[in-house]
Amino acid sequence: MDLATLKWHYAQPFISLWKVSREQIDHYGHANNVVYVSQLEMTAWAHSNHLGLSIEQYHALDRGMAISRHEISYLGPAYLGEEIACATWIVECDHKLKLSRQFQFIRPSDGLTLLTARTDFVCIALSSGKPKRMPAEFANIYGQATIAVAVT
């Protein structure tokens, strides 16, 4: 299946795949909600790496994008062995201190959206943990990757 043809909320998603493993299953028989949060992080990092920003560059610049807020809607369960398409988009970047990502996880086998989320980030100095202006590399790369989102 061509993952790009799934019913994404926005055009041109960055997509990574997640296969639900046995250790991710909780006592209800589906992927635990904490696993979804971990997958948000992995998807965001995969996208940042794809854009050309690695953890090594973060350390060299003494900057990082720290989560300030998650807003998550769990819409359906994921089960053992299922493959889930995890998409992200950068929907806001102020080129100074903040950026926001939107996420959507779809089960390709039936096209069901299992999760939507928004994560807000603030740029920090890794050495102190305090908010610090984005370096030009962050502002340029994340800024150029930001999609236009219609306000509803």
N, C-alpha and C. Protein backbone atom coordinates (compact mmCIF):
# COMPACT_ATOMS: atom_id res chain seq x y z
N MET A 1 0.84 -1.19 0.00
CA MET A 1 0.00 0.00 0.00
C MET A 1 0.88 1.24 0.00
N ASP A 2 0.48 2.22 -0.79
CA ASP A 2 1.19 3.50 -0.81
C ASP A 2 0.68 4.34 0.36
N LEU A 3 1.54 4.51 1.36
CA LEU A 3 1.14 5.21 2.58
C LEU A 3 0.74 6.66 2.33
N ALA A 4 1.28 7.27 1.29
CA ALA A 4 0.96 8.66 0.97
C ALA A 4 -0.50 8.83 0.56
N THR A 5 -1.16 7.73 0.16
CA THR A 5 -2.55 7.83 -0.30
C THR A 5 -3.56 7.66 0.83
N LEU A 6 -3.08 7.42 2.06
CA LEU A 6 -4.00 7.34 3.20
C LEU A 6 -4.64 8.71 3.43
N LYS A 7 -5.71 8.76 4.19
CA LYS A 7 -6.46 10.01 4.41
C LYS A 7 -5.79 10.85 5.50
N TRP A 8 -4.70 11.50 5.11
CA TRP A 8 -3.96 12.36 6.04
C TRP A 8 -4.68 13.68 6.19
N HIS A 9 -4.56 14.27 7.36
CA HIS A 9 -5.20 15.57 7.61
C HIS A 9 -4.54 16.70 6.83
N TYR A 10 -3.25 16.54 6.52
CA TYR A 10 -2.50 17.56 5.79
C TYR A 10 -1.71 16.89 4.67
N ALA A 11 -1.34 17.68 3.68
CA ALA A 11 -0.57 17.17 2.54
C ALA A 11 0.88 16.91 2.95
N GLN A 12 1.53 16.08 2.18
CA GLN A 12 2.96 15.80 2.29
C GLN A 12 3.43 15.45 3.70
N PRO A 13 2.86 14.40 4.27
CA PRO A 13 3.30 14.00 5.61
C PRO A 13 4.69 13.37 5.58
N PHE A 14 5.42 13.53 6.67
CA PHE A 14 6.60 12.70 6.89
C PHE A 14 6.06 11.46 7.60
N ILE A 15 6.35 10.28 7.06
CA ILE A 15 5.77 9.04 7.58
C ILE A 15 6.87 8.08 8.03
N SER A 16 6.70 7.55 9.23
CA SER A 16 7.52 6.44 9.69
C SER A 16 6.58 5.30 10.05
N LEU A 17 7.12 4.08 10.05
CA LEU A 17 6.29 2.92 10.37
C LEU A 17 6.62 2.38 11.75
N TRP A 18 5.59 1.94 12.42
CA TRP A 18 5.71 1.34 13.74
C TRP A 18 5.01 -0.01 13.70
N LYS A 19 5.72 -1.06 14.06
CA LYS A 19 5.11 -2.38 14.19
C LYS A 19 4.97 -2.67 15.67
N VAL A 20 3.75 -2.91 16.12
CA VAL A 20 3.45 -3.11 17.53
C VAL A 20 4.05 -4.44 17.99
N SER A 21 4.88 -4.35 19.03
CA SER A 21 5.57 -5.53 19.55
C SER A 21 4.91 -6.04 20.84
N ARG A 22 5.24 -7.25 21.21
CA ARG A 22 4.66 -7.89 22.40
C ARG A 22 4.86 -7.05 23.67
N GLU A 23 6.06 -6.47 23.85
CA GLU A 23 6.32 -5.70 25.06
C GLU A 23 5.56 -4.37 25.11
N GLN A 24 4.94 -3.99 24.01
CA GLN A 24 4.15 -2.75 23.98
C GLN A 24 2.68 -2.97 24.32
N ILE A 25 2.31 -4.23 24.48
CA ILE A 25 0.91 -4.58 24.77
C ILE A 25 0.67 -4.51 26.27
N ASP A 26 -0.46 -3.89 26.66
CA ASP A 26 -0.79 -3.77 28.07
C ASP A 26 -1.80 -4.83 28.50
N HIS A 27 -2.26 -4.73 29.73
CA HIS A 27 -3.18 -5.71 30.28
C HIS A 27 -4.58 -5.68 29.63
N TYR A 28 -4.84 -4.69 28.79
CA TYR A 28 -6.09 -4.66 28.04
C TYR A 28 -5.97 -5.33 26.68
N GLY A 29 -4.74 -5.76 26.34
CA GLY A 29 -4.53 -6.47 25.08
C GLY A 29 -4.25 -5.59 23.88
N HIS A 30 -3.96 -4.32 24.12
CA HIS A 30 -3.60 -3.42 23.01
C HIS A 30 -2.40 -2.58 23.42
N ALA A 31 -1.86 -1.83 22.47
CA ALA A 31 -0.69 -0.99 22.75
C ALA A 31 -1.03 0.02 23.84
N ASN A 32 -0.17 0.09 24.83
CA ASN A 32 -0.37 1.00 25.96
C ASN A 32 -0.24 2.44 25.51
N ASN A 33 -0.97 3.35 26.17
CA ASN A 33 -0.94 4.77 25.78
C ASN A 33 0.46 5.37 25.89
N VAL A 34 1.28 4.89 26.82
CA VAL A 34 2.64 5.40 26.97
C VAL A 34 3.47 5.09 25.72
N VAL A 35 3.18 3.97 25.08
CA VAL A 35 3.89 3.59 23.85
C VAL A 35 3.60 4.60 22.74
N TYR A 36 2.36 5.08 22.68
CA TYR A 36 2.02 6.09 21.69
C TYR A 36 2.85 7.36 21.90
N VAL A 37 3.03 7.76 23.15
CA VAL A 37 3.83 8.95 23.45
C VAL A 37 5.27 8.73 23.00
N SER A 38 5.81 7.55 23.27
CA SER A 38 7.17 7.23 22.80
C SER A 38 7.25 7.28 21.28
N GLN A 39 6.19 6.81 20.63
CA GLN A 39 6.19 6.82 19.16
C GLN A 39 6.11 8.24 18.62
N LEU A 40 5.45 9.14 19.34
CA LEU A 40 5.45 10.56 18.93
C LEU A 40 6.89 11.07 18.90
N GLU A 41 7.64 10.76 19.96
CA GLU A 41 9.03 11.21 20.04
C GLU A 41 9.88 10.61 18.92
N MET A 42 9.73 9.30 18.70
CA MET A 42 10.51 8.65 17.64
C MET A 42 10.19 9.21 16.26
N THR A 43 8.92 9.50 16.03
CA THR A 43 8.51 10.06 14.74
C THR A 43 9.08 11.47 14.56
N ALA A 44 9.02 12.28 15.61
CA ALA A 44 9.58 13.64 15.54
C ALA A 44 11.08 13.59 15.27
N TRP A 45 11.80 12.69 15.97
CA TRP A 45 13.25 12.58 15.75
C TRP A 45 13.56 12.10 14.34
N ALA A 46 12.80 11.13 13.86
CA ALA A 46 13.03 10.64 12.49
C ALA A 46 12.84 11.77 11.49
N HIS A 47 11.83 12.60 11.71
CA HIS A 47 11.59 13.73 10.82
C HIS A 47 12.72 14.75 10.91
N SER A 48 13.14 15.08 12.13
CA SER A 48 14.26 16.03 12.29
C SER A 48 15.51 15.51 11.60
N ASN A 49 15.80 14.21 11.77
CA ASN A 49 16.96 13.62 11.09
C ASN A 49 16.81 13.70 9.58
N HIS A 50 15.61 13.43 9.09
CA HIS A 50 15.32 13.52 7.65
C HIS A 50 15.56 14.94 7.13
N LEU A 51 15.22 15.93 7.95
CA LEU A 51 15.42 17.33 7.56
C LEU A 51 16.89 17.75 7.64
N GLY A 52 17.72 16.95 8.30
CA GLY A 52 19.14 17.26 8.39
C GLY A 52 19.60 17.71 9.76
N LEU A 53 18.77 17.54 10.78
CA LEU A 53 19.17 17.90 12.14
C LEU A 53 19.28 16.63 12.99
N SER A 54 20.46 16.37 13.50
CA SER A 54 20.71 15.18 14.31
C SER A 54 20.96 15.57 15.76
N ILE A 55 20.94 14.58 16.62
CA ILE A 55 21.22 14.83 18.04
C ILE A 55 22.66 15.34 18.20
N GLU A 56 23.56 14.91 17.34
CA GLU A 56 24.94 15.40 17.40
C GLU A 56 24.99 16.90 17.11
N GLN A 57 24.19 17.35 16.16
CA GLN A 57 24.14 18.79 15.87
C GLN A 57 23.51 19.55 17.03
N TYR A 58 22.48 18.98 17.64
CA TYR A 58 21.87 19.61 18.81
C TYR A 58 22.94 19.83 19.88
N HIS A 59 23.73 18.78 20.15
CA HIS A 59 24.77 18.90 21.18
C HIS A 59 25.86 19.91 20.78
N ALA A 60 26.26 19.89 19.52
CA ALA A 60 27.29 20.82 19.05
C ALA A 60 26.83 22.27 19.18
N LEU A 61 25.54 22.51 18.99
CA LEU A 61 24.97 23.86 19.08
C LEU A 61 24.52 24.21 20.50
N ASP A 62 24.56 23.23 21.40
CA ASP A 62 24.07 23.40 22.78
C ASP A 62 22.61 23.87 22.78
N ARG A 63 21.82 23.30 21.90
CA ARG A 63 20.40 23.63 21.81
C ARG A 63 19.58 22.36 21.62
N GLY A 64 18.35 22.41 22.07
CA GLY A 64 17.41 21.32 21.87
C GLY A 64 16.00 21.86 21.86
N MET A 65 15.11 21.08 21.30
CA MET A 65 13.70 21.44 21.30
C MET A 65 13.02 20.56 22.34
N ALA A 66 12.66 21.16 23.48
CA ALA A 66 12.06 20.44 24.59
C ALA A 66 10.54 20.56 24.54
N ILE A 67 9.87 19.49 24.87
CA ILE A 67 8.41 19.49 24.86
C ILE A 67 7.88 20.37 25.99
N SER A 68 6.97 21.27 25.63
CA SER A 68 6.31 22.09 26.64
C SER A 68 4.85 21.66 26.82
N ARG A 69 4.29 20.97 25.80
CA ARG A 69 2.87 20.58 25.90
C ARG A 69 2.56 19.49 24.89
N HIS A 70 1.82 18.48 25.33
CA HIS A 70 1.24 17.45 24.46
C HIS A 70 -0.27 17.57 24.53
N GLU A 71 -0.93 17.46 23.41
CA GLU A 71 -2.38 17.34 23.36
C GLU A 71 -2.66 16.12 22.50
N ILE A 72 -3.20 15.07 23.10
CA ILE A 72 -3.34 13.78 22.41
C ILE A 72 -4.79 13.32 22.44
N SER A 73 -5.27 12.88 21.28
CA SER A 73 -6.58 12.22 21.20
C SER A 73 -6.34 10.78 20.77
N TYR A 74 -6.68 9.85 21.67
CA TYR A 74 -6.58 8.43 21.37
C TYR A 74 -7.91 8.01 20.75
N LEU A 75 -7.88 7.59 19.49
CA LEU A 75 -9.11 7.35 18.75
C LEU A 75 -9.40 5.88 18.49
N GLY A 76 -8.39 5.03 18.67
CA GLY A 76 -8.57 3.60 18.43
C GLY A 76 -7.36 2.83 18.90
N PRO A 77 -7.52 1.54 19.18
CA PRO A 77 -6.42 0.72 19.68
C PRO A 77 -5.55 0.16 18.56
N ALA A 78 -4.30 -0.10 18.92
CA ALA A 78 -3.36 -0.83 18.04
C ALA A 78 -3.06 -2.15 18.72
N TYR A 79 -2.99 -3.21 17.94
CA TYR A 79 -2.82 -4.56 18.48
C TYR A 79 -1.50 -5.18 18.03
N LEU A 80 -1.12 -6.22 18.74
CA LEU A 80 0.12 -6.94 18.49
C LEU A 80 0.29 -7.26 17.01
N GLY A 81 1.47 -6.91 16.48
CA GLY A 81 1.81 -7.25 15.11
C GLY A 81 1.32 -6.27 14.06
N GLU A 82 0.45 -5.35 14.44
CA GLU A 82 -0.06 -4.39 13.46
C GLU A 82 1.01 -3.39 13.08
N GLU A 83 0.96 -2.96 11.83
CA GLU A 83 1.84 -1.90 11.37
C GLU A 83 1.02 -0.61 11.35
N ILE A 84 1.61 0.43 11.93
CA ILE A 84 0.94 1.72 12.03
C ILE A 84 1.79 2.76 11.29
N ALA A 85 1.15 3.55 10.45
CA ALA A 85 1.82 4.65 9.75
C ALA A 85 1.72 5.89 10.64
N CYS A 86 2.87 6.42 11.01
CA CYS A 86 2.94 7.56 11.93
C CYS A 86 3.43 8.78 11.15
N ALA A 87 2.59 9.79 11.07
CA ALA A 87 2.92 10.98 10.29
C ALA A 87 3.08 12.20 11.20
N THR A 88 3.94 13.11 10.75
CA THR A 88 4.10 14.38 11.45
C THR A 88 4.29 15.50 10.44
N TRP A 89 3.92 16.68 10.90
CA TRP A 89 4.12 17.92 10.16
C TRP A 89 4.52 19.00 11.16
N ILE A 90 5.38 19.90 10.75
CA ILE A 90 5.64 21.10 11.55
C ILE A 90 4.60 22.12 11.11
N VAL A 91 3.78 22.55 12.07
CA VAL A 91 2.66 23.43 11.73
C VAL A 91 2.88 24.87 12.19
N GLU A 92 3.86 25.09 13.06
CA GLU A 92 4.20 26.44 13.49
C GLU A 92 5.67 26.49 13.84
N CYS A 93 6.31 27.58 13.47
CA CYS A 93 7.69 27.85 13.87
C CYS A 93 7.87 29.36 13.90
N ASP A 94 8.18 29.88 15.08
CA ASP A 94 8.32 31.34 15.19
C ASP A 94 9.74 31.82 14.88
N HIS A 95 10.64 30.89 14.54
CA HIS A 95 12.03 31.19 14.19
C HIS A 95 12.82 31.78 15.35
N LYS A 96 12.24 31.77 16.53
CA LYS A 96 12.90 32.34 17.70
C LYS A 96 13.03 31.33 18.83
N LEU A 97 11.88 30.86 19.33
CA LEU A 97 11.88 30.03 20.53
C LEU A 97 10.98 28.81 20.44
N LYS A 98 9.90 28.89 19.65
CA LYS A 98 8.87 27.85 19.69
C LYS A 98 8.60 27.23 18.33
N LEU A 99 8.20 25.96 18.38
CA LEU A 99 7.65 25.30 17.20
C LEU A 99 6.63 24.28 17.66
N SER A 100 5.75 23.90 16.74
CA SER A 100 4.69 22.93 17.04
C SER A 100 4.61 21.91 15.92
N ARG A 101 4.35 20.67 16.33
CA ARG A 101 4.15 19.57 15.39
C ARG A 101 2.74 19.02 15.55
N GLN A 102 2.19 18.61 14.45
CA GLN A 102 0.93 17.87 14.43
C GLN A 102 1.28 16.43 14.06
N PHE A 103 0.56 15.48 14.63
CA PHE A 103 0.77 14.06 14.36
C PHE A 103 -0.56 13.40 14.02
N GLN A 104 -0.47 12.34 13.22
CA GLN A 104 -1.61 11.49 12.93
C GLN A 104 -1.09 10.08 12.72
N PHE A 105 -1.65 9.11 13.42
CA PHE A 105 -1.27 7.70 13.27
C PHE A 105 -2.45 6.98 12.64
N ILE A 106 -2.18 6.30 11.53
CA ILE A 106 -3.21 5.56 10.80
C ILE A 106 -2.81 4.09 10.70
N ARG A 107 -3.80 3.20 10.89
CA ARG A 107 -3.60 1.78 10.65
C ARG A 107 -3.92 1.54 9.17
N PRO A 108 -2.92 1.26 8.33
CA PRO A 108 -3.16 1.11 6.89
C PRO A 108 -4.12 -0.02 6.51
N SER A 109 -4.19 -1.06 7.32
CA SER A 109 -5.03 -2.21 6.96
C SER A 109 -6.51 -1.84 6.83
N ASP A 110 -6.96 -0.85 7.61
CA ASP A 110 -8.36 -0.42 7.50
C ASP A 110 -8.52 1.09 7.34
N GLY A 111 -7.40 1.82 7.32
CA GLY A 111 -7.45 3.27 7.12
C GLY A 111 -7.90 4.06 8.33
N LEU A 112 -8.03 3.40 9.48
CA LEU A 112 -8.52 4.07 10.68
C LEU A 112 -7.44 4.93 11.33
N THR A 113 -7.78 6.18 11.62
CA THR A 113 -6.89 7.05 12.39
C THR A 113 -6.98 6.64 13.84
N LEU A 114 -5.85 6.23 14.42
CA LEU A 114 -5.80 5.76 15.81
C LEU A 114 -5.46 6.87 16.79
N LEU A 115 -4.79 7.91 16.31
CA LEU A 115 -4.33 8.97 17.20
C LEU A 115 -4.14 10.24 16.39
N THR A 116 -4.48 11.36 17.02
CA THR A 116 -4.06 12.67 16.54
C THR A 116 -3.43 13.36 17.73
N ALA A 117 -2.44 14.18 17.47
CA ALA A 117 -1.75 14.86 18.57
C ALA A 117 -1.12 16.15 18.05
N ARG A 118 -0.89 17.01 19.01
CA ARG A 118 -0.12 18.23 18.76
C ARG A 118 0.87 18.33 19.91
N THR A 119 2.11 18.62 19.54
CA THR A 119 3.16 18.81 20.54
C THR A 119 3.79 20.17 20.32
N ASP A 120 3.88 20.94 21.40
CA ASP A 120 4.53 22.25 21.36
C ASP A 120 5.91 22.10 21.98
N PHE A 121 6.88 22.73 21.36
CA PHE A 121 8.27 22.67 21.81
C PHE A 121 8.79 24.07 22.08
N VAL A 122 9.78 24.15 22.96
CA VAL A 122 10.49 25.40 23.21
C VAL A 122 11.98 25.09 23.08
N CYS A 123 12.71 25.99 22.49
CA CYS A 123 14.15 25.82 22.33
C CYS A 123 14.83 26.09 23.67
N ILE A 124 15.75 25.20 24.03
CA ILE A 124 16.49 25.36 25.29
C ILE A 124 17.99 25.21 25.03
N ALA A 125 18.78 25.74 25.94
CA ALA A 125 20.21 25.45 25.97
C ALA A 125 20.34 24.09 26.68
N LEU A 126 20.97 23.13 26.02
CA LEU A 126 21.12 21.81 26.63
C LEU A 126 21.94 21.86 27.90
N SER A 127 22.88 22.80 27.95
CA SER A 127 23.77 22.89 29.11
C SER A 127 23.07 23.39 30.37
N SER A 128 22.00 24.17 30.19
CA SER A 128 21.32 24.73 31.36
C SER A 128 19.85 24.31 31.49
N GLY A 129 19.25 23.89 30.38
CA GLY A 129 17.83 23.57 30.39
C GLY A 129 16.94 24.79 30.31
N LYS A 130 17.54 25.96 30.19
CA LYS A 130 16.77 27.22 30.15
C LYS A 130 16.41 27.59 28.71
N PRO A 131 15.26 28.24 28.52
CA PRO A 131 14.87 28.68 27.18
C PRO A 131 15.97 29.55 26.57
N LYS A 132 16.23 29.31 25.30
CA LYS A 132 17.29 30.04 24.58
C LYS A 132 16.86 30.15 23.12
N ARG A 133 17.19 31.25 22.50
CA ARG A 133 16.82 31.49 21.10
C ARG A 133 17.33 30.36 20.19
N MET A 134 16.52 30.02 19.20
CA MET A 134 16.90 29.01 18.23
C MET A 134 18.15 29.44 17.48
N PRO A 135 19.09 28.54 17.27
CA PRO A 135 20.20 28.87 16.39
C PRO A 135 19.68 28.99 14.95
N ALA A 136 20.44 29.65 14.11
CA ALA A 136 20.01 29.84 12.72
C ALA A 136 19.71 28.52 12.03
N GLU A 137 20.47 27.47 12.35
CA GLU A 137 20.23 26.15 11.73
C GLU A 137 18.83 25.65 12.04
N PHE A 138 18.38 25.79 13.26
CA PHE A 138 17.03 25.36 13.63
C PHE A 138 15.98 26.22 12.93
N ALA A 139 16.16 27.54 13.04
CA ALA A 139 15.18 28.46 12.46
C ALA A 139 15.04 28.23 10.96
N ASN A 140 16.16 28.04 10.27
CA ASN A 140 16.12 27.84 8.82
C ASN A 140 15.49 26.51 8.45
N ILE A 141 15.98 25.43 9.05
CA ILE A 141 15.50 24.10 8.66
C ILE A 141 14.06 23.87 9.09
N TYR A 142 13.75 24.13 10.36
CA TYR A 142 12.39 23.92 10.82
C TYR A 142 11.43 24.94 10.19
N GLY A 143 11.89 26.16 10.03
CA GLY A 143 11.05 27.18 9.40
C GLY A 143 10.66 26.82 7.98
N GLN A 144 11.62 26.33 7.21
CA GLN A 144 11.33 25.95 5.82
C GLN A 144 10.44 24.71 5.73
N ALA A 145 10.45 23.87 6.75
CA ALA A 145 9.62 22.66 6.75
C ALA A 145 8.19 22.92 7.24
N THR A 146 7.92 24.11 7.73
CA THR A 146 6.61 24.43 8.29
C THR A 146 5.58 24.49 7.16
N ILE A 147 4.45 23.80 7.39
CA ILE A 147 3.38 23.80 6.39
C ILE A 147 2.36 24.88 6.76
N ALA A 148 1.64 25.33 5.76
CA ALA A 148 0.55 26.27 5.98
C ALA A 148 -0.69 25.48 6.39
N VAL A 149 -1.28 25.86 7.51
CA VAL A 149 -2.47 25.17 8.01
C VAL A 149 -3.60 26.19 8.08
N ALA A 150 -4.72 25.81 7.48
CA ALA A 150 -5.89 26.69 7.53
C ALA A 150 -6.46 26.71 8.94
N VAL A 151 -6.77 27.88 9.42
CA VAL A 151 -7.36 28.03 10.75
C VAL A 151 -8.86 27.79 10.61
N THR A 152 -9.40 26.91 11.49
CA THR A 152 -10.84 26.60 11.40
C THR A 152 -11.60 27.26 12.51
